Amino acid sequence: MRRKDKEITDKKEIESIINKFDVCRIALSEKNSPYIVPVCFGYADNCLYFHSAQDGKKIDIIKKNNNVCFEFDIYDKLIKSEAPCDWDVKYYSVIGIGKAFFIDDFEEKIKALNIITGHYSGDSFVYQKNSIDNVTVIKVEIEKITGKKSG
């Protein structure tokens, strides 16, 4: 990171920022062409979890290339100055890379779905077998993560 004064290195602080987010952006690449998609997610044990329909562009891309990048950001406020080029923005962001894997095991899918739903509600749920069978659950094992803050 170029601006070390803005870098967040403390893992607990990075995790606390992640837990404030409602949306994660997952970046994928197919044939050297980028694709980014917002997803609902859960975070636990240095892994991100998200779910999807069984078919679609992100599923097709992950099957061919499981390298992903992810991003979170919180825009807090604009800090104005007399000169517009001196303006700043108060924000927090987290960016990382990892590998995406499909979860096929029934019990692991339930655990991952509870991590996702727990992020939004704090509750655990009972799922119907056909619901579990018809959803794709993806785990991103995080390899590198950085945080940044400004303002």
N, C-alpha and C. Protein backbone atom coordinates (compact mmCIF):
# COMPACT_ATOMS: atom_id res chain seq x y z
N MET A 1 0.85 -1.17 0.00
CA MET A 1 0.00 0.00 0.00
C MET A 1 0.90 1.24 0.00
N ARG A 2 0.61 2.14 -0.88
CA ARG A 2 1.42 3.34 -1.03
C ARG A 2 1.35 4.24 0.20
N ARG A 3 0.15 4.48 0.72
CA ARG A 3 -0.03 5.38 1.87
C ARG A 3 -0.10 4.57 3.16
N LYS A 4 1.06 4.27 3.71
CA LYS A 4 1.12 3.46 4.93
C LYS A 4 0.41 4.14 6.10
N ASP A 5 0.30 5.47 6.07
CA ASP A 5 -0.37 6.19 7.15
C ASP A 5 -1.88 5.93 7.16
N LYS A 6 -2.42 5.42 6.06
CA LYS A 6 -3.86 5.13 5.97
C LYS A 6 -4.16 3.63 6.08
N GLU A 7 -3.12 2.82 6.12
CA GLU A 7 -3.30 1.38 6.13
C GLU A 7 -3.80 0.88 7.49
N ILE A 8 -4.71 -0.08 7.44
CA ILE A 8 -5.18 -0.78 8.64
C ILE A 8 -4.56 -2.17 8.60
N THR A 9 -3.75 -2.49 9.59
CA THR A 9 -3.09 -3.79 9.62
C THR A 9 -3.66 -4.70 10.70
N ASP A 10 -4.32 -4.13 11.69
CA ASP A 10 -4.86 -4.91 12.79
C ASP A 10 -6.03 -5.76 12.31
N LYS A 11 -5.89 -7.07 12.39
CA LYS A 11 -6.92 -7.99 11.89
C LYS A 11 -8.26 -7.78 12.59
N LYS A 12 -8.26 -7.52 13.88
CA LYS A 12 -9.52 -7.29 14.61
C LYS A 12 -10.23 -6.06 14.08
N GLU A 13 -9.48 -5.01 13.77
CA GLU A 13 -10.09 -3.80 13.22
C GLU A 13 -10.66 -4.07 11.83
N ILE A 14 -9.93 -4.82 11.00
CA ILE A 14 -10.43 -5.18 9.68
C ILE A 14 -11.70 -5.99 9.80
N GLU A 15 -11.72 -6.96 10.70
CA GLU A 15 -12.92 -7.78 10.90
C GLU A 15 -14.10 -6.96 11.41
N SER A 16 -13.84 -5.99 12.26
CA SER A 16 -14.94 -5.16 12.76
C SER A 16 -15.51 -4.31 11.63
N ILE A 17 -14.67 -3.89 10.70
CA ILE A 17 -15.15 -3.14 9.54
C ILE A 17 -16.00 -4.06 8.66
N ILE A 18 -15.52 -5.26 8.38
CA ILE A 18 -16.28 -6.22 7.56
C ILE A 18 -17.66 -6.44 8.15
N ASN A 19 -17.72 -6.59 9.46
CA ASN A 19 -19.00 -6.90 10.11
C ASN A 19 -20.00 -5.75 10.07
N LYS A 20 -19.55 -4.56 9.66
CA LYS A 20 -20.46 -3.41 9.52
C LYS A 20 -21.13 -3.37 8.15
N PHE A 21 -20.64 -4.15 7.22
CA PHE A 21 -21.12 -4.09 5.85
C PHE A 21 -22.35 -4.95 5.62
N ASP A 22 -23.17 -4.52 4.67
CA ASP A 22 -24.31 -5.32 4.23
C ASP A 22 -24.06 -6.00 2.89
N VAL A 23 -23.12 -5.46 2.12
CA VAL A 23 -22.86 -5.97 0.78
C VAL A 23 -21.36 -6.13 0.58
N CYS A 24 -20.99 -7.22 -0.05
CA CYS A 24 -19.61 -7.47 -0.46
C CYS A 24 -19.58 -7.50 -1.98
N ARG A 25 -18.58 -6.90 -2.56
CA ARG A 25 -18.42 -6.98 -4.01
C ARG A 25 -17.35 -8.03 -4.31
N ILE A 26 -17.74 -9.00 -5.12
CA ILE A 26 -16.84 -10.08 -5.51
C ILE A 26 -16.41 -9.83 -6.96
N ALA A 27 -15.11 -9.77 -7.18
CA ALA A 27 -14.58 -9.57 -8.53
C ALA A 27 -14.02 -10.90 -9.05
N LEU A 28 -14.41 -11.21 -10.27
CA LEU A 28 -14.00 -12.45 -10.93
C LEU A 28 -13.37 -12.09 -12.27
N SER A 29 -12.75 -13.08 -12.90
CA SER A 29 -12.17 -12.83 -14.21
C SER A 29 -12.38 -14.05 -15.10
N GLU A 30 -12.86 -13.76 -16.31
CA GLU A 30 -13.07 -14.81 -17.30
C GLU A 30 -12.41 -14.39 -18.60
N LYS A 31 -11.46 -15.19 -19.06
CA LYS A 31 -10.76 -14.91 -20.31
C LYS A 31 -10.21 -13.48 -20.32
N ASN A 32 -9.60 -13.10 -19.21
CA ASN A 32 -8.97 -11.79 -19.06
C ASN A 32 -9.97 -10.63 -19.07
N SER A 33 -11.23 -10.94 -18.83
CA SER A 33 -12.27 -9.91 -18.77
C SER A 33 -12.82 -9.86 -17.35
N PRO A 34 -12.80 -8.68 -16.70
CA PRO A 34 -13.27 -8.59 -15.32
C PRO A 34 -14.80 -8.63 -15.22
N TYR A 35 -15.27 -9.14 -14.09
CA TYR A 35 -16.70 -9.18 -13.78
C TYR A 35 -16.83 -8.98 -12.28
N ILE A 36 -17.68 -8.04 -11.87
CA ILE A 36 -17.86 -7.78 -10.44
C ILE A 36 -19.34 -7.86 -10.11
N VAL A 37 -19.64 -8.43 -8.96
CA VAL A 37 -21.03 -8.62 -8.57
C VAL A 37 -21.19 -8.38 -7.07
N PRO A 38 -22.23 -7.64 -6.66
CA PRO A 38 -22.49 -7.47 -5.23
C PRO A 38 -23.20 -8.70 -4.68
N VAL A 39 -22.83 -9.12 -3.49
CA VAL A 39 -23.46 -10.30 -2.88
C VAL A 39 -23.73 -10.05 -1.40
N CYS A 40 -24.76 -10.70 -0.90
CA CYS A 40 -24.95 -10.81 0.55
C CYS A 40 -23.94 -11.84 1.02
N PHE A 41 -23.45 -11.70 2.23
CA PHE A 41 -22.34 -12.55 2.64
C PHE A 41 -22.37 -12.82 4.14
N GLY A 42 -21.52 -13.71 4.54
CA GLY A 42 -21.20 -13.94 5.93
C GLY A 42 -19.69 -14.06 6.05
N TYR A 43 -19.16 -13.79 7.22
CA TYR A 43 -17.72 -13.86 7.45
C TYR A 43 -17.46 -14.62 8.74
N ALA A 44 -16.56 -15.59 8.67
CA ALA A 44 -16.14 -16.34 9.86
C ALA A 44 -14.82 -17.05 9.57
N ASP A 45 -13.95 -17.06 10.55
CA ASP A 45 -12.71 -17.83 10.48
C ASP A 45 -11.91 -17.56 9.22
N ASN A 46 -11.73 -16.28 8.89
CA ASN A 46 -10.95 -15.85 7.74
C ASN A 46 -11.50 -16.36 6.40
N CYS A 47 -12.83 -16.55 6.37
CA CYS A 47 -13.49 -16.97 5.14
C CYS A 47 -14.75 -16.13 4.92
N LEU A 48 -15.06 -15.88 3.67
CA LEU A 48 -16.32 -15.27 3.27
C LEU A 48 -17.22 -16.36 2.73
N TYR A 49 -18.51 -16.20 2.94
CA TYR A 49 -19.50 -17.14 2.43
C TYR A 49 -20.57 -16.36 1.71
N PHE A 50 -21.02 -16.87 0.58
CA PHE A 50 -22.18 -16.30 -0.09
C PHE A 50 -22.92 -17.41 -0.81
N HIS A 51 -24.16 -17.13 -1.16
CA HIS A 51 -24.98 -18.14 -1.82
C HIS A 51 -25.46 -17.62 -3.15
N SER A 52 -25.94 -18.55 -3.96
CA SER A 52 -26.31 -18.19 -5.32
C SER A 52 -27.29 -19.22 -5.86
N ALA A 53 -27.93 -18.85 -6.96
CA ALA A 53 -28.65 -19.85 -7.73
C ALA A 53 -27.61 -20.83 -8.28
N GLN A 54 -28.07 -21.96 -8.75
CA GLN A 54 -27.14 -22.97 -9.23
C GLN A 54 -26.53 -22.64 -10.59
N ASP A 55 -27.16 -21.76 -11.32
CA ASP A 55 -26.67 -21.37 -12.63
C ASP A 55 -26.50 -19.86 -12.68
N GLY A 56 -25.62 -19.42 -13.54
CA GLY A 56 -25.43 -17.99 -13.73
C GLY A 56 -23.97 -17.68 -14.04
N LYS A 57 -23.75 -16.45 -14.39
CA LYS A 57 -22.42 -16.03 -14.84
C LYS A 57 -21.35 -16.23 -13.77
N LYS A 58 -21.62 -15.82 -12.51
CA LYS A 58 -20.57 -15.95 -11.49
C LYS A 58 -20.24 -17.41 -11.23
N ILE A 59 -21.25 -18.28 -11.28
CA ILE A 59 -21.01 -19.71 -11.09
C ILE A 59 -20.15 -20.25 -12.23
N ASP A 60 -20.49 -19.89 -13.45
CA ASP A 60 -19.72 -20.33 -14.62
C ASP A 60 -18.26 -19.88 -14.53
N ILE A 61 -18.06 -18.63 -14.12
CA ILE A 61 -16.69 -18.11 -14.02
C ILE A 61 -15.92 -18.82 -12.93
N ILE A 62 -16.51 -18.98 -11.75
CA ILE A 62 -15.81 -19.64 -10.63
C ILE A 62 -15.42 -21.07 -10.99
N LYS A 63 -16.25 -21.75 -11.74
CA LYS A 63 -15.93 -23.12 -12.17
C LYS A 63 -14.66 -23.15 -13.02
N LYS A 64 -14.41 -22.08 -13.76
CA LYS A 64 -13.24 -22.01 -14.63
C LYS A 64 -12.03 -21.36 -13.95
N ASN A 65 -12.31 -20.42 -13.05
CA ASN A 65 -11.24 -19.65 -12.41
C ASN A 65 -11.71 -19.26 -11.01
N ASN A 66 -11.20 -19.92 -10.00
CA ASN A 66 -11.69 -19.67 -8.64
C ASN A 66 -10.92 -18.58 -7.91
N ASN A 67 -10.06 -17.86 -8.60
CA ASN A 67 -9.38 -16.71 -7.99
C ASN A 67 -10.36 -15.55 -7.92
N VAL A 68 -10.51 -14.98 -6.74
CA VAL A 68 -11.43 -13.86 -6.56
C VAL A 68 -10.75 -12.72 -5.83
N CYS A 69 -11.30 -11.56 -6.03
CA CYS A 69 -10.94 -10.38 -5.26
C CYS A 69 -12.26 -9.91 -4.64
N PHE A 70 -12.20 -9.33 -3.46
CA PHE A 70 -13.42 -8.83 -2.83
C PHE A 70 -13.14 -7.45 -2.26
N GLU A 71 -14.23 -6.69 -2.11
CA GLU A 71 -14.09 -5.31 -1.66
C GLU A 71 -15.30 -4.89 -0.85
N PHE A 72 -15.02 -4.12 0.20
CA PHE A 72 -16.04 -3.49 1.04
C PHE A 72 -15.65 -2.03 1.18
N ASP A 73 -16.61 -1.13 1.25
CA ASP A 73 -16.27 0.26 1.54
C ASP A 73 -17.40 0.95 2.26
N ILE A 74 -17.00 1.87 3.14
CA ILE A 74 -17.95 2.73 3.85
C ILE A 74 -17.55 4.17 3.55
N TYR A 75 -18.42 4.87 2.89
CA TYR A 75 -18.22 6.30 2.66
C TYR A 75 -18.91 7.01 3.81
N ASP A 76 -18.13 7.74 4.60
CA ASP A 76 -18.68 8.40 5.77
C ASP A 76 -19.12 9.83 5.47
N LYS A 77 -18.20 10.65 4.98
CA LYS A 77 -18.58 12.02 4.66
C LYS A 77 -17.51 12.69 3.84
N LEU A 78 -17.90 13.75 3.17
CA LEU A 78 -17.01 14.59 2.40
C LEU A 78 -16.44 15.66 3.32
N ILE A 79 -15.14 15.87 3.24
CA ILE A 79 -14.48 16.90 4.03
C ILE A 79 -14.02 17.97 3.05
N LYS A 80 -14.74 19.10 3.05
CA LYS A 80 -14.46 20.17 2.09
C LYS A 80 -13.35 21.08 2.59
N SER A 81 -12.71 21.72 1.63
CA SER A 81 -11.69 22.72 1.89
C SER A 81 -11.93 23.87 0.92
N GLU A 82 -11.18 24.92 1.06
CA GLU A 82 -11.38 26.05 0.15
C GLU A 82 -11.11 25.65 -1.30
N ALA A 83 -10.08 24.88 -1.52
CA ALA A 83 -9.75 24.44 -2.88
C ALA A 83 -10.28 23.02 -3.08
N PRO A 84 -11.06 22.77 -4.13
CA PRO A 84 -11.63 21.44 -4.36
C PRO A 84 -10.57 20.33 -4.43
N CYS A 85 -9.38 20.65 -4.91
CA CYS A 85 -8.33 19.64 -4.98
C CYS A 85 -7.80 19.24 -3.60
N ASP A 86 -8.17 20.00 -2.57
CA ASP A 86 -7.77 19.69 -1.21
C ASP A 86 -8.88 18.98 -0.42
N TRP A 87 -9.99 18.72 -1.08
CA TRP A 87 -11.07 17.99 -0.42
C TRP A 87 -10.60 16.58 -0.08
N ASP A 88 -11.26 16.00 0.89
CA ASP A 88 -10.95 14.63 1.30
C ASP A 88 -12.28 13.92 1.58
N VAL A 89 -12.21 12.65 1.72
CA VAL A 89 -13.38 11.84 2.06
C VAL A 89 -13.02 10.99 3.26
N LYS A 90 -13.92 10.95 4.22
CA LYS A 90 -13.73 10.05 5.35
C LYS A 90 -14.33 8.71 4.93
N TYR A 91 -13.51 7.66 4.93
CA TYR A 91 -13.98 6.34 4.50
C TYR A 91 -13.16 5.23 5.15
N TYR A 92 -13.70 4.05 5.06
CA TYR A 92 -13.01 2.82 5.43
C TYR A 92 -13.20 1.85 4.28
N SER A 93 -12.17 1.09 3.97
CA SER A 93 -12.32 0.08 2.93
C SER A 93 -11.50 -1.15 3.30
N VAL A 94 -11.93 -2.28 2.76
CA VAL A 94 -11.22 -3.54 2.93
C VAL A 94 -11.19 -4.20 1.55
N ILE A 95 -10.02 -4.66 1.17
CA ILE A 95 -9.85 -5.35 -0.10
C ILE A 95 -9.04 -6.61 0.18
N GLY A 96 -9.42 -7.70 -0.48
CA GLY A 96 -8.67 -8.93 -0.29
C GLY A 96 -8.76 -9.83 -1.50
N ILE A 97 -7.95 -10.87 -1.46
CA ILE A 97 -7.97 -11.89 -2.50
C ILE A 97 -8.09 -13.26 -1.85
N GLY A 98 -8.59 -14.20 -2.61
CA GLY A 98 -8.72 -15.55 -2.10
C GLY A 98 -9.15 -16.50 -3.19
N LYS A 99 -9.47 -17.69 -2.77
CA LYS A 99 -9.92 -18.74 -3.67
C LYS A 99 -11.33 -19.15 -3.27
N ALA A 100 -12.20 -19.28 -4.28
CA ALA A 100 -13.60 -19.65 -4.06
C ALA A 100 -13.78 -21.14 -4.28
N PHE A 101 -14.54 -21.76 -3.37
CA PHE A 101 -14.83 -23.19 -3.46
C PHE A 101 -16.32 -23.41 -3.24
N PHE A 102 -16.88 -24.35 -3.99
CA PHE A 102 -18.27 -24.71 -3.81
C PHE A 102 -18.39 -25.68 -2.64
N ILE A 103 -19.36 -25.42 -1.79
CA ILE A 103 -19.63 -26.32 -0.66
C ILE A 103 -20.72 -27.28 -1.09
N ASP A 104 -20.41 -28.56 -1.07
CA ASP A 104 -21.37 -29.58 -1.49
C ASP A 104 -21.97 -30.35 -0.32
N ASP A 105 -21.21 -30.47 0.77
CA ASP A 105 -21.68 -31.24 1.92
C ASP A 105 -22.90 -30.57 2.54
N PHE A 106 -23.95 -31.34 2.79
CA PHE A 106 -25.22 -30.83 3.31
C PHE A 106 -25.04 -30.06 4.62
N GLU A 107 -24.34 -30.65 5.58
CA GLU A 107 -24.16 -30.00 6.89
C GLU A 107 -23.29 -28.75 6.78
N GLU A 108 -22.28 -28.80 5.92
CA GLU A 108 -21.43 -27.62 5.72
C GLU A 108 -22.21 -26.48 5.07
N LYS A 109 -23.14 -26.83 4.16
CA LYS A 109 -24.00 -25.80 3.56
C LYS A 109 -24.85 -25.12 4.63
N ILE A 110 -25.42 -25.91 5.53
CA ILE A 110 -26.24 -25.34 6.60
C ILE A 110 -25.39 -24.42 7.48
N LYS A 111 -24.20 -24.87 7.83
CA LYS A 111 -23.30 -24.04 8.65
C LYS A 111 -23.01 -22.72 7.94
N ALA A 112 -22.70 -22.79 6.65
CA ALA A 112 -22.39 -21.57 5.88
C ALA A 112 -23.61 -20.67 5.77
N LEU A 113 -24.78 -21.24 5.51
CA LEU A 113 -25.99 -20.42 5.42
C LEU A 113 -26.30 -19.75 6.75
N ASN A 114 -26.03 -20.43 7.85
CA ASN A 114 -26.22 -19.80 9.16
C ASN A 114 -25.23 -18.67 9.40
N ILE A 115 -24.02 -18.79 8.86
CA ILE A 115 -23.06 -17.69 8.95
C ILE A 115 -23.58 -16.50 8.16
N ILE A 116 -24.12 -16.76 6.97
CA ILE A 116 -24.65 -15.67 6.13
C ILE A 116 -25.86 -15.03 6.80
N THR A 117 -26.86 -15.83 7.18
CA THR A 117 -28.06 -15.25 7.78
C THR A 117 -27.76 -14.62 9.13
N GLY A 118 -26.79 -15.19 9.85
CA GLY A 118 -26.39 -14.64 11.14
C GLY A 118 -25.79 -13.25 11.01
N HIS A 119 -25.17 -12.99 9.89
CA HIS A 119 -24.60 -11.66 9.66
C HIS A 119 -25.69 -10.60 9.61
N TYR A 120 -26.85 -10.97 9.14
CA TYR A 120 -27.94 -10.00 8.97
C TYR A 120 -28.96 -10.04 10.10
N SER A 121 -29.13 -11.21 10.73
CA SER A 121 -30.20 -11.30 11.71
C SER A 121 -29.74 -11.78 13.08
N GLY A 122 -28.61 -12.43 13.14
CA GLY A 122 -28.18 -13.00 14.41
C GLY A 122 -28.89 -14.30 14.76
N ASP A 123 -29.77 -14.77 13.86
CA ASP A 123 -30.55 -15.98 14.12
C ASP A 123 -30.00 -17.16 13.33
N SER A 124 -30.32 -18.36 13.80
CA SER A 124 -30.10 -19.59 13.04
C SER A 124 -31.45 -20.08 12.58
N PHE A 125 -31.46 -20.83 11.51
CA PHE A 125 -32.72 -21.27 10.93
C PHE A 125 -32.71 -22.76 10.67
N VAL A 126 -33.90 -23.31 10.52
CA VAL A 126 -34.07 -24.69 10.06
C VAL A 126 -34.41 -24.60 8.59
N TYR A 127 -33.66 -25.33 7.78
CA TYR A 127 -33.82 -25.27 6.33
C TYR A 127 -34.46 -26.57 5.82
N GLN A 128 -35.27 -26.41 4.81
CA GLN A 128 -35.86 -27.57 4.15
C GLN A 128 -34.77 -28.23 3.29
N LYS A 129 -34.78 -29.55 3.22
CA LYS A 129 -33.77 -30.28 2.45
C LYS A 129 -33.74 -29.82 1.00
N ASN A 130 -34.90 -29.65 0.39
CA ASN A 130 -34.91 -29.24 -1.02
C ASN A 130 -34.33 -27.83 -1.20
N SER A 131 -34.46 -26.97 -0.20
CA SER A 131 -33.86 -25.64 -0.29
C SER A 131 -32.34 -25.74 -0.29
N ILE A 132 -31.82 -26.61 0.57
CA ILE A 132 -30.37 -26.81 0.64
C ILE A 132 -29.86 -27.42 -0.65
N ASP A 133 -30.59 -28.39 -1.16
CA ASP A 133 -30.19 -29.06 -2.40
C ASP A 133 -30.21 -28.13 -3.61
N ASN A 134 -31.03 -27.09 -3.57
CA ASN A 134 -31.21 -26.21 -4.73
C ASN A 134 -30.47 -24.89 -4.63
N VAL A 135 -29.61 -24.74 -3.65
CA VAL A 135 -28.84 -23.50 -3.52
C VAL A 135 -27.35 -23.83 -3.66
N THR A 136 -26.64 -22.92 -4.27
CA THR A 136 -25.18 -23.05 -4.35
C THR A 136 -24.59 -22.18 -3.25
N VAL A 137 -23.70 -22.76 -2.48
CA VAL A 137 -23.03 -22.03 -1.41
C VAL A 137 -21.53 -22.01 -1.72
N ILE A 138 -20.96 -20.84 -1.62
CA ILE A 138 -19.56 -20.64 -1.99
C ILE A 138 -18.79 -20.12 -0.78
N LYS A 139 -17.63 -20.70 -0.57
CA LYS A 139 -16.71 -20.30 0.50
C LYS A 139 -15.48 -19.70 -0.15
N VAL A 140 -15.10 -18.50 0.29
CA VAL A 140 -13.88 -17.87 -0.19
C VAL A 140 -12.86 -17.93 0.94
N GLU A 141 -11.81 -18.71 0.72
CA GLU A 141 -10.72 -18.78 1.68
C GLU A 141 -9.80 -17.59 1.42
N ILE A 142 -9.73 -16.69 2.39
CA ILE A 142 -8.99 -15.45 2.22
C ILE A 142 -7.48 -15.72 2.33
N GLU A 143 -6.75 -15.25 1.31
CA GLU A 143 -5.31 -15.40 1.29
C GLU A 143 -4.59 -14.12 1.72
N LYS A 144 -5.16 -12.99 1.36
CA LYS A 144 -4.57 -11.70 1.69
C LYS A 144 -5.68 -10.68 1.88
N ILE A 145 -5.53 -9.82 2.88
CA ILE A 145 -6.55 -8.81 3.15
C ILE A 145 -5.88 -7.56 3.69
N THR A 146 -6.35 -6.41 3.24
CA THR A 146 -5.83 -5.14 3.73
C THR A 146 -6.98 -4.19 4.00
N GLY A 147 -6.76 -3.28 4.89
CA GLY A 147 -7.75 -2.25 5.18
C GLY A 147 -7.14 -0.87 4.99
N LYS A 148 -8.01 0.10 4.77
CA LYS A 148 -7.55 1.46 4.58
C LYS A 148 -8.60 2.41 5.17
N LYS A 149 -8.14 3.51 5.75
CA LYS A 149 -9.04 4.52 6.27
C LYS A 149 -8.47 5.89 5.94
N SER A 150 -9.38 6.83 5.81
CA SER A 150 -8.98 8.19 5.49
C SER A 150 -9.95 9.17 6.12
N GLY A 151 -9.46 10.37 6.35
CA GLY A 151 -10.33 11.43 6.85
C GLY A 151 -10.33 11.54 8.32
